[in-house]
Each structure stands twice: as C-alpha cells, then as structure tokens.
Amino acid sequence: MNQLNGYDYEDLEPGMSASFAKTITEADIVLFAAASGDNNAMHINEEFARSTQFNGRIAHGMLTASVISAAIAGRLPGPGTVYLGQNVRFRAPVKPGDTVHATVTVKELHPEKRRVSLTTVCTVNGKVVIDGDAMVMPTSARDHQK
C-alpha cells in the first residue's frame, strides 16, 4: 500500500479484488436528479412509477454505477487512481433503501501504459444489478520518488 492507503501499479496482481457497499437513500436519488438534471419520472414521481413494470421508483442507473467508482477510488486500486473508462450493463433495478455492493477485480495489467483492466459487479441481496468492466490508471511507486 502507498502513503494514500491505495495500491500502486506495482502492487497489483490479477485476481485481487475489493468491495464497497452503499445504501441508496431517497436523498441520494433527489440530489442525483438535481446534480445531473435527470428528472425522469421513473426516479422522482412515485405515482407514475407505481404504474410501471417496476411498481415504484427506481434509482438512476448511473447513481447505482457510481458505487463502482467509490470502490475503485477508495479500495482498489484506491486513492490517486485515474478512471479512464467504464462499460456497464444494467441487469435489474435498484430501489430506494437497497444496499448496493460493488466489487472490483483486477482482470489484466497493461504495463506498457500502466493501465489496469477491472471487472466490475454490483449486487443487491446477492442479485446482480450491474456488471461490466473498467480501465483505470493507478498511481505508481515511481510517482512517489519524484
């Protein structure tokens, strides 16, 4: 671990994984709608959302996916990591009050550019709600020697 309590590129190995969990609250949904401008009735209008296949409001997909970002920034590789890209597949809805567990796993190291491919999965009560992959650039031990 480095001085930021994260992993430098040189510390990483395929198969390493870490998780982060967050309960999605009413406040999270309202604040995300305000910050993003995404005021879709599926997220903010309970009466409308009850008339849909989801039988109630659901969290924004990107709000749910942000738990992956928290796992990357706070756990693996950790602080100082630059997020380069993310592919997500939304598998199931997340409702207010659900606890999202994001797990990131080192899939492959790319030494020529100091990049790391991660697999990413979010679950609620053991059910996959999002899966995908991410590309990140963690800190390097060489960065700390300057």
Protein backbone atom coordinates (compact mmCIF):
# COMPACT_ATOMS: atom_id res chain seq x y z
CA MET A 1 0.00 0.00 0.00
CA ASN A 2 1.13 3.53 -0.69
CA GLN A 3 1.01 6.61 1.51
CA LEU A 4 -2.62 7.25 0.42
CA ASN A 5 -3.61 3.72 1.56
CA GLY A 6 -4.10 2.67 -2.04
CA TYR A 7 -2.26 0.26 -4.27
CA ASP A 8 0.42 1.41 -6.67
CA TYR A 9 0.50 -0.25 -10.08
CA GLU A 10 3.48 -2.35 -8.97
CA ASP A 11 1.44 -3.82 -6.07
CA LEU A 12 -1.39 -5.14 -8.23
CA GLU A 13 -1.91 -8.71 -9.45
CA PRO A 14 -4.71 -10.31 -11.46
CA GLY A 15 -7.38 -11.70 -9.16
CA MET A 16 -7.06 -9.04 -6.46
CA SER A 17 -10.48 -7.69 -5.52
CA ALA A 18 -12.18 -5.26 -3.17
CA SER A 19 -15.73 -4.21 -2.36
CA PHE A 20 -17.64 -1.16 -1.24
CA ALA A 21 -21.28 -1.00 -0.14
CA LYS A 22 -23.76 1.88 -0.03
CA THR A 23 -27.44 2.06 0.77
CA ILE A 24 -29.20 4.19 -1.85
CA THR A 25 -31.41 6.68 0.01
CA GLU A 26 -34.25 8.96 -1.02
CA ALA A 27 -31.87 11.88 -0.55
CA ASP A 28 -29.29 10.28 -2.88
CA ILE A 29 -31.90 9.98 -5.64
CA VAL A 30 -33.20 13.54 -5.23
CA LEU A 31 -29.70 15.02 -5.06
CA PHE A 32 -28.52 12.98 -8.06
CA ALA A 33 -31.54 14.20 -10.06
CA ALA A 34 -30.67 17.79 -9.15
CA ALA A 35 -26.96 17.41 -9.86
CA SER A 36 -27.38 15.54 -13.15
CA GLY A 37 -30.57 17.16 -14.45
CA ASP A 38 -32.06 13.66 -14.93
CA ASN A 39 -35.58 14.21 -13.65
CA ASN A 40 -37.09 11.12 -15.28
CA ALA A 41 -40.42 10.31 -13.63
CA MET A 42 -39.15 6.76 -13.01
CA HIS A 43 -36.82 8.26 -10.41
CA ILE A 44 -38.77 11.12 -8.88
CA ASN A 45 -42.53 10.54 -9.32
CA GLU A 46 -43.81 7.69 -7.15
CA GLU A 47 -47.36 7.83 -8.52
CA PHE A 48 -46.14 7.47 -12.10
CA ALA A 49 -43.52 4.85 -11.22
CA ARG A 50 -46.14 2.68 -9.44
CA SER A 51 -47.93 2.36 -12.80
CA THR A 52 -44.86 0.82 -14.47
CA GLN A 53 -43.36 -2.67 -14.52
CA PHE A 54 -41.18 -1.67 -11.54
CA ASN A 55 -44.19 -0.89 -9.28
CA GLY A 56 -42.39 2.09 -7.78
CA ARG A 57 -39.49 4.46 -8.17
CA ILE A 58 -36.05 3.18 -9.10
CA ALA A 59 -32.63 4.74 -8.62
CA HIS A 60 -30.82 6.24 -11.58
CA GLY A 61 -28.60 3.65 -13.23
CA MET A 62 -25.62 5.97 -13.13
CA LEU A 63 -26.20 6.69 -9.43
CA THR A 64 -26.04 2.95 -8.81
CA ALA A 65 -22.95 2.65 -11.03
CA SER A 66 -21.25 5.38 -9.00
CA VAL A 67 -20.79 2.83 -6.21
CA ILE A 68 -18.25 1.19 -8.57
CA SER A 69 -16.37 4.49 -8.67
CA ALA A 70 -16.31 4.53 -4.86
CA ALA A 71 -14.86 1.00 -4.81
CA ILE A 72 -12.15 2.00 -7.29
CA ALA A 73 -11.27 5.31 -5.64
CA GLY A 74 -11.47 4.12 -2.06
CA ARG A 75 -10.43 0.47 -2.18
CA LEU A 76 -8.77 -0.91 -5.33
CA PRO A 77 -6.55 0.45 -6.70
CA GLY A 78 -7.51 3.29 -4.32
CA PRO A 79 -6.78 6.99 -3.83
CA GLY A 80 -4.98 8.69 -6.70
CA THR A 81 -6.38 6.32 -9.35
CA VAL A 82 -7.47 7.95 -12.61
CA TYR A 83 -10.69 6.50 -14.04
CA LEU A 84 -10.28 6.10 -17.82
CA GLY A 85 -13.40 4.24 -18.89
CA GLN A 86 -16.32 2.12 -17.80
CA ASN A 87 -18.70 -0.26 -19.56
CA VAL A 88 -21.85 -1.14 -17.64
CA ARG A 89 -24.78 -3.41 -18.28
CA PHE A 90 -27.87 -2.73 -16.19
CA ARG A 91 -29.39 -6.10 -15.19
CA ALA A 92 -32.02 -5.20 -12.59
CA PRO A 93 -33.48 -2.09 -10.93
CA VAL A 94 -32.32 -0.65 -7.64
CA LYS A 95 -34.96 0.83 -5.35
CA PRO A 96 -34.64 3.41 -2.59
CA GLY A 97 -33.38 1.64 0.52
CA ASP A 98 -31.47 -1.07 -1.37
CA THR A 99 -27.84 -1.62 -0.38
CA VAL A 100 -25.58 -1.88 -3.42
CA HIS A 101 -22.40 -3.93 -3.06
CA ALA A 102 -19.80 -3.07 -5.72
CA THR A 103 -16.90 -5.46 -6.26
CA VAL A 104 -13.94 -4.68 -8.49
CA THR A 105 -11.43 -7.33 -9.52
CA VAL A 106 -8.11 -6.91 -11.31
CA LYS A 107 -8.52 -8.70 -14.64
CA GLU A 108 -5.38 -7.69 -16.50
CA LEU A 109 -2.34 -5.44 -16.14
CA HIS A 110 -1.11 -3.39 -19.12
CA PRO A 111 2.48 -2.38 -18.25
CA GLU A 112 3.20 -0.50 -21.48
CA LYS A 113 0.78 2.26 -20.42
CA ARG A 114 0.44 1.46 -16.70
CA ARG A 115 -3.24 0.63 -17.10
CA VAL A 116 -5.37 -1.87 -15.25
CA SER A 117 -8.46 -3.67 -16.56
CA LEU A 118 -11.02 -4.41 -13.87
CA THR A 119 -14.18 -6.49 -13.86
CA THR A 120 -16.99 -4.73 -12.03
CA VAL A 121 -20.14 -6.15 -10.46
CA CYS A 122 -22.87 -4.58 -8.34
CA THR A 123 -25.28 -6.73 -6.37
CA VAL A 124 -28.32 -6.16 -4.17
CA ASN A 125 -29.20 -9.04 -1.84
CA GLY A 126 -26.94 -11.30 -3.89
CA LYS A 127 -28.63 -10.45 -7.21
CA VAL A 128 -26.51 -8.87 -9.95
CA VAL A 129 -27.90 -5.42 -10.82
CA ILE A 130 -24.91 -4.16 -12.85
CA ASP A 131 -21.92 -5.85 -14.41
CA GLY A 132 -19.17 -4.64 -16.69
CA ASP A 133 -15.55 -3.62 -16.80
CA ALA A 134 -13.39 -0.57 -16.23
CA MET A 135 -9.99 0.73 -17.28
CA VAL A 136 -8.00 2.71 -14.73
CA MET A 137 -4.54 4.18 -14.23
CA PRO A 138 -3.36 3.80 -10.64
CA THR A 139 -0.52 5.62 -9.00
CA SER A 140 2.98 4.21 -9.45
CA ALA A 141 5.80 3.84 -6.96
CA ARG A 142 7.83 5.93 -9.45
CA ASP A 143 5.43 8.84 -8.88
CA HIS A 144 6.35 8.92 -5.19
CA GLN A 145 10.10 9.09 -5.90
CA LYS A 146 9.95 12.48 -7.63
